[in-house]
Amino acid sequence: MENIYPECQKCSTGVLVPLSDYGRDGATIQYKAWVCTNPDCGFNIRIDNGEISIGRNIGKSAK
């Protein structure tokens, strides 16, 4: 089955792909963020502590 991802509404070049993470207790958080595949765009939408943030700057993790 092929995955079909939504087109980025900001740049119309990339697609939004889901990213997952782990919570404080080690539980999986599926689809915590959606990020544009176009590196020049950088659009992202994510959930942090139950709040939705859009377009937050993304960079390399210190971990």
PDB file of N, CA and C in Angstrom:
ATOM      1  N   MET A   1       0.847  -1.178   0.000  1.00  0.00           N
ATOM      2  CA  MET A   1       0.000   0.000   0.000  1.00  0.00           C
ATOM      3  C   MET A   1       0.892   1.240   0.000  1.00  0.00           C
ATOM      4  N   GLU A   2       0.650   2.124  -0.907  1.00  0.00           N
ATOM      5  CA  GLU A   2       1.434   3.344  -1.030  1.00  0.00           C
ATOM      6  C   GLU A   2       0.888   4.429  -0.104  1.00  0.00           C
ATOM      7  N   ASN A   3       1.800   5.115   0.597  1.00  0.00           N
ATOM      8  CA  ASN A   3       1.384   6.223   1.456  1.00  0.00           C
ATOM      9  C   ASN A   3       1.205   7.469   0.605  1.00  0.00           C
ATOM     10  N   ILE A   4       0.113   8.165   0.827  1.00  0.00           N
ATOM     11  CA  ILE A   4      -0.151   9.418   0.128  1.00  0.00           C
ATOM     12  C   ILE A   4      -0.223  10.502   1.183  1.00  0.00           C
ATOM     13  N   TYR A   5       0.650  11.510   1.058  1.00  0.00           N
ATOM     14  CA  TYR A   5       0.728  12.572   2.044  1.00  0.00           C
ATOM     15  C   TYR A   5       0.179  13.871   1.457  1.00  0.00           C
ATOM     16  N   PRO A   6      -0.358  14.739   2.317  1.00  0.00           N
ATOM     17  CA  PRO A   6      -0.938  15.992   1.813  1.00  0.00           C
ATOM     18  C   PRO A   6       0.132  16.958   1.310  1.00  0.00           C
ATOM     19  N   GLU A   7      -0.217  17.701   0.273  1.00  0.00           N
ATOM     20  CA  GLU A   7       0.664  18.738  -0.263  1.00  0.00           C
ATOM     21  C   GLU A   7       0.806  19.861   0.758  1.00  0.00           C
ATOM     22  N   CYS A   8       2.008  20.410   0.866  1.00  0.00           N
ATOM     23  CA  CYS A   8       2.231  21.542   1.756  1.00  0.00           C
ATOM     24  C   CYS A   8       1.485  22.753   1.217  1.00  0.00           C
ATOM     25  N   GLN A   9       0.642  23.346   2.031  1.00  0.00           N
ATOM     26  CA  GLN A   9      -0.147  24.502   1.615  1.00  0.00           C
ATOM     27  C   GLN A   9       0.669  25.786   1.614  1.00  0.00           C
ATOM     28  N   LYS A  10       1.856  25.759   2.226  1.00  0.00           N
ATOM     29  CA  LYS A  10       2.699  26.950   2.265  1.00  0.00           C
ATOM     30  C   LYS A  10       3.513  27.094   0.981  1.00  0.00           C
ATOM     31  N   CYS A  11       4.183  25.993   0.545  1.00  0.00           N
ATOM     32  CA  CYS A  11       5.077  26.102  -0.609  1.00  0.00           C
ATOM     33  C   CYS A  11       4.550  25.394  -1.852  1.00  0.00           C
ATOM     34  N   SER A  12       3.608  24.490  -1.704  1.00  0.00           N
ATOM     35  CA  SER A  12       3.046  23.699  -2.810  1.00  0.00           C
ATOM     36  C   SER A  12       4.086  22.867  -3.551  1.00  0.00           C
ATOM     37  N   THR A  13       5.283  22.734  -2.985  1.00  0.00           N
ATOM     38  CA  THR A  13       6.334  21.932  -3.603  1.00  0.00           C
ATOM     39  C   THR A  13       6.520  20.631  -2.840  1.00  0.00           C
ATOM     40  N   GLY A  14       6.616  20.729  -1.528  1.00  0.00           N
ATOM     41  CA  GLY A  14       6.819  19.548  -0.695  1.00  0.00           C
ATOM     42  C   GLY A  14       5.505  18.934  -0.265  1.00  0.00           C
ATOM     43  N   VAL A  15       5.624  17.844   0.463  1.00  0.00           N
ATOM     44  CA  VAL A  15       4.467  17.207   1.078  1.00  0.00           C
ATOM     45  C   VAL A  15       4.696  17.168   2.582  1.00  0.00           C
ATOM     46  N   LEU A  16       3.622  17.067   3.344  1.00  0.00           N
ATOM     47  CA  LEU A  16       3.731  16.985   4.796  1.00  0.00           C
ATOM     48  C   LEU A  16       3.834  15.519   5.204  1.00  0.00           C
ATOM     49  N   VAL A  17       4.884  15.198   5.948  1.00  0.00           N
ATOM     50  CA  VAL A  17       5.080  13.835   6.427  1.00  0.00           C
ATOM     51  C   VAL A  17       4.968  13.824   7.950  1.00  0.00           C
ATOM     52  N   PRO A  18       4.381  12.741   8.496  1.00  0.00           N
ATOM     53  CA  PRO A  18       4.202  12.667   9.947  1.00  0.00           C
ATOM     54  C   PRO A  18       5.472  12.193  10.642  1.00  0.00           C
ATOM     55  N   LEU A  19       5.723  12.760  11.808  1.00  0.00           N
ATOM     56  CA  LEU A  19       6.835  12.341  12.657  1.00  0.00           C
ATOM     57  C   LEU A  19       6.287  11.934  14.014  1.00  0.00           C
ATOM     58  N   SER A  20       6.877  10.913  14.582  1.00  0.00           N
ATOM     59  CA  SER A  20       6.465  10.440  15.898  1.00  0.00           C
ATOM     60  C   SER A  20       7.576  10.697  16.909  1.00  0.00           C
ATOM     61  N   ASP A  21       7.246  10.576  18.187  1.00  0.00           N
ATOM     62  CA  ASP A  21       8.215  10.841  19.243  1.00  0.00           C
ATOM     63  C   ASP A  21       7.854   9.960  20.433  1.00  0.00           C
ATOM     64  N   TYR A  22       8.606  10.114  21.492  1.00  0.00           N
ATOM     65  CA  TYR A  22       8.324   9.415  22.740  1.00  0.00           C
ATOM     66  C   TYR A  22       8.018  10.430  23.821  1.00  0.00           C
ATOM     67  N   GLY A  23       7.044  10.118  24.667  1.00  0.00           N
ATOM     68  CA  GLY A  23       6.684  10.989  25.774  1.00  0.00           C
ATOM     69  C   GLY A  23       7.638  10.832  26.943  1.00  0.00           C
ATOM     70  N   ARG A  24       7.377  11.577  27.996  1.00  0.00           N
ATOM     71  CA  ARG A  24       8.234  11.563  29.189  1.00  0.00           C
ATOM     72  C   ARG A  24       8.352  10.178  29.810  1.00  0.00           C
ATOM     73  N   ASP A  25       7.270   9.420  29.746  1.00  0.00           N
ATOM     74  CA  ASP A  25       7.259   8.085  30.351  1.00  0.00           C
ATOM     75  C   ASP A  25       7.647   6.995  29.355  1.00  0.00           C
ATOM     76  N   GLY A  26       8.098   7.386  28.168  1.00  0.00           N
ATOM     77  CA  GLY A  26       8.521   6.422  27.166  1.00  0.00           C
ATOM     78  C   GLY A  26       7.424   5.933  26.245  1.00  0.00           C
ATOM     79  N   ALA A  27       6.206   6.447  26.423  1.00  0.00           N
ATOM     80  CA  ALA A  27       5.096   6.032  25.562  1.00  0.00           C
ATOM     81  C   ALA A  27       5.230   6.683  24.184  1.00  0.00           C
ATOM     82  N   THR A  28       4.875   5.947  23.159  1.00  0.00           N
ATOM     83  CA  THR A  28       4.951   6.466  21.794  1.00  0.00           C
ATOM     84  C   THR A  28       3.877   7.517  21.564  1.00  0.00           C
ATOM     85  N   ILE A  29       4.258   8.617  20.949  1.00  0.00           N
ATOM     86  CA  ILE A  29       3.310   9.656  20.545  1.00  0.00           C
ATOM     87  C   ILE A  29       3.341   9.668  19.016  1.00  0.00           C
ATOM     88  N   GLN A  30       2.329   9.021  18.405  1.00  0.00           N
ATOM     89  CA  GLN A  30       2.282   8.973  16.950  1.00  0.00           C
ATOM     90  C   GLN A  30       1.815  10.303  16.398  1.00  0.00           C
ATOM     91  N   TYR A  31       2.428  10.693  15.301  1.00  0.00           N
ATOM     92  CA  TYR A  31       2.057  11.915  14.578  1.00  0.00           C
ATOM     93  C   TYR A  31       2.124  13.158  15.462  1.00  0.00           C
ATOM     94  N   LYS A  32       3.203  13.277  16.207  1.00  0.00           N
ATOM     95  CA  LYS A  32       3.402  14.448  17.057  1.00  0.00           C
ATOM     96  C   LYS A  32       3.607  15.699  16.206  1.00  0.00           C
ATOM     97  N   ALA A  33       4.182  15.519  15.029  1.00  0.00           N
ATOM     98  CA  ALA A  33       4.442  16.657  14.154  1.00  0.00           C
ATOM     99  C   ALA A  33       4.244  16.252  12.699  1.00  0.00           C
ATOM    100  N   TRP A  34       3.932  17.240  11.881  1.00  0.00           N
ATOM    101  CA  TRP A  34       3.902  17.089  10.432  1.00  0.00           C
ATOM    102  C   TRP A  34       4.866  18.125   9.889  1.00  0.00           C
ATOM    103  N   VAL A  35       5.785  17.698   9.020  1.00  0.00           N
ATOM    104  CA  VAL A  35       6.845  18.570   8.533  1.00  0.00           C
ATOM    105  C   VAL A  35       6.900  18.520   7.011  1.00  0.00           C
ATOM    106  N   CYS A  36       7.127  19.671   6.390  1.00  0.00           N
ATOM    107  CA  CYS A  36       7.253  19.748   4.934  1.00  0.00           C
ATOM    108  C   CYS A  36       8.580  19.123   4.503  1.00  0.00           C
ATOM    109  N   THR A  37       8.540  18.357   3.420  1.00  0.00           N
ATOM    110  CA  THR A  37       9.746  17.707   2.910  1.00  0.00           C
ATOM    111  C   THR A  37      10.646  18.651   2.121  1.00  0.00           C
ATOM    112  N   ASN A  38      10.178  19.843   1.825  1.00  0.00           N
ATOM    113  CA  ASN A  38      10.981  20.831   1.104  1.00  0.00           C
ATOM    114  C   ASN A  38      11.843  21.571   2.124  1.00  0.00           C
ATOM    115  N   PRO A  39      13.171  21.359   2.116  1.00  0.00           N
ATOM    116  CA  PRO A  39      14.022  21.994   3.135  1.00  0.00           C
ATOM    117  C   PRO A  39      14.019  23.520   3.075  1.00  0.00           C
ATOM    118  N   ASP A  40      13.705  24.094   1.921  1.00  0.00           N
ATOM    119  CA  ASP A  40      13.649  25.560   1.811  1.00  0.00           C
ATOM    120  C   ASP A  40      12.382  26.130   2.432  1.00  0.00           C
ATOM    121  N   CYS A  41      11.370  25.294   2.608  1.00  0.00           N
ATOM    122  CA  CYS A  41      10.092  25.747   3.164  1.00  0.00           C
ATOM    123  C   CYS A  41      10.140  25.767   4.691  1.00  0.00           C
ATOM    124  N   GLY A  42      10.375  24.599   5.295  1.00  0.00           N
ATOM    125  CA  GLY A  42      10.461  24.511   6.749  1.00  0.00           C
ATOM    126  C   GLY A  42       9.146  24.534   7.490  1.00  0.00           C
ATOM    127  N   PHE A  43       7.998  24.491   6.778  1.00  0.00           N
ATOM    128  CA  PHE A  43       6.711  24.515   7.477  1.00  0.00           C
ATOM    129  C   PHE A  43       6.572  23.291   8.360  1.00  0.00           C
ATOM    130  N   ASN A  44       6.006  23.477   9.534  1.00  0.00           N
ATOM    131  CA  ASN A  44       5.742  22.360  10.440  1.00  0.00           C
ATOM    132  C   ASN A  44       4.583  22.705  11.350  1.00  0.00           C
ATOM    133  N   ILE A  45       3.903  21.673  11.779  1.00  0.00           N
ATOM    134  CA  ILE A  45       2.833  21.806  12.752  1.00  0.00           C
ATOM    135  C   ILE A  45       3.048  20.686  13.763  1.00  0.00           C
ATOM    136  N   ARG A  46       2.974  21.011  15.050  1.00  0.00           N
ATOM    137  CA  ARG A  46       3.292  20.007  16.068  1.00  0.00           C
ATOM    138  C   ARG A  46       2.455  20.195  17.324  1.00  0.00           C
ATOM    139  N   ILE A  47       2.430  19.157  18.130  1.00  0.00           N
ATOM    140  CA  ILE A  47       1.713  19.182  19.402  1.00  0.00           C
ATOM    141  C   ILE A  47       2.742  19.106  20.515  1.00  0.00           C
ATOM    142  N   ASP A  48       2.726  20.076  21.425  1.00  0.00           N
ATOM    143  CA  ASP A  48       3.611  20.096  22.589  1.00  0.00           C
ATOM    144  C   ASP A  48       2.774  20.319  23.833  1.00  0.00           C
ATOM    145  N   ASN A  49       2.779  19.339  24.712  1.00  0.00           N
ATOM    146  CA  ASN A  49       2.021  19.435  25.968  1.00  0.00           C
ATOM    147  C   ASN A  49       0.560  19.799  25.725  1.00  0.00           C
ATOM    148  N   GLY A  50      -0.027  19.209  24.673  1.00  0.00           N
ATOM    149  CA  GLY A  50      -1.438  19.429  24.375  1.00  0.00           C
ATOM    150  C   GLY A  50      -1.731  20.698  23.607  1.00  0.00           C
ATOM    151  N   GLU A  51      -0.727  21.504  23.278  1.00  0.00           N
ATOM    152  CA  GLU A  51      -0.932  22.737  22.524  1.00  0.00           C
ATOM    153  C   GLU A  51      -0.381  22.577  21.119  1.00  0.00           C
ATOM    154  N   ILE A  52      -1.088  23.124  20.149  1.00  0.00           N
ATOM    155  CA  ILE A  52      -0.665  23.050  18.754  1.00  0.00           C
ATOM    156  C   ILE A  52       0.174  24.276  18.425  1.00  0.00           C
ATOM    157  N   SER A  53       1.347  24.050  17.832  1.00  0.00           N
ATOM    158  CA  SER A  53       2.173  25.170  17.382  1.00  0.00           C
ATOM    159  C   SER A  53       2.421  25.010  15.886  1.00  0.00           C
ATOM    160  N   ILE A  54       2.368  26.114  15.176  1.00  0.00           N
ATOM    161  CA  ILE A  54       2.523  26.116  13.724  1.00  0.00           C
ATOM    162  C   ILE A  54       3.707  26.988  13.344  1.00  0.00           C
ATOM    163  N   GLY A  55       4.576  26.452  12.486  1.00  0.00           N
ATOM    164  CA  GLY A  55       5.668  27.229  11.933  1.00  0.00           C
ATOM    165  C   GLY A  55       6.819  27.521  12.866  1.00  0.00           C
ATOM    166  N   ARG A  56       6.908  26.814  13.959  1.00  0.00           N
ATOM    167  CA  ARG A  56       8.006  27.016  14.901  1.00  0.00           C
ATOM    168  C   ARG A  56       9.332  26.700  14.215  1.00  0.00           C
ATOM    169  N   ASN A  57      10.372  27.464  14.502  1.00  0.00           N
ATOM    170  CA  ASN A  57      11.685  27.211  13.898  1.00  0.00           C
ATOM    171  C   ASN A  57      12.153  25.820  14.274  1.00  0.00           C
ATOM    172  N   ILE A  58      12.693  25.121  13.292  1.00  0.00           N
ATOM    173  CA  ILE A  58      13.217  23.794  13.547  1.00  0.00           C
ATOM    174  C   ILE A  58      14.707  23.781  13.301  1.00  0.00           C
ATOM    175  N   GLY A  59      15.396  22.963  14.037  1.00  0.00           N
ATOM    176  CA  GLY A  59      16.841  22.875  13.900  1.00  0.00           C
ATOM    177  C   GLY A  59      17.319  21.533  14.391  1.00  0.00           C
ATOM    178  N   LYS A  60      18.593  21.375  14.483  1.00  0.00           N
ATOM    179  CA  LYS A  60      19.159  20.115  14.945  1.00  0.00           C
ATOM    180  C   LYS A  60      18.999  19.999  16.455  1.00  0.00           C
ATOM    181  N   SER A  61      18.729  18.793  16.883  1.00  0.00           N
ATOM    182  CA  SER A  61      18.548  18.513  18.306  1.00  0.00           C
ATOM    183  C   SER A  61      19.906  18.437  18.998  1.00  0.00           C
ATOM    184  N   ALA A  62      19.936  18.845  20.258  1.00  0.00           N
ATOM    185  CA  ALA A  62      21.163  18.760  21.047  1.00  0.00           C
ATOM    186  C   ALA A  62      21.420  17.325  21.507  1.00  0.00           C
ATOM    187  N   LYS A  63      20.414  16.459  21.350  1.00  0.00           N
ATOM    188  CA  LYS A  63      20.526  15.070  21.811  1.00  0.00           C
ATOM    189  C   LYS A  63      21.276  14.216  20.831  1.00  0.00           C
TER     190      LYS A  63
END
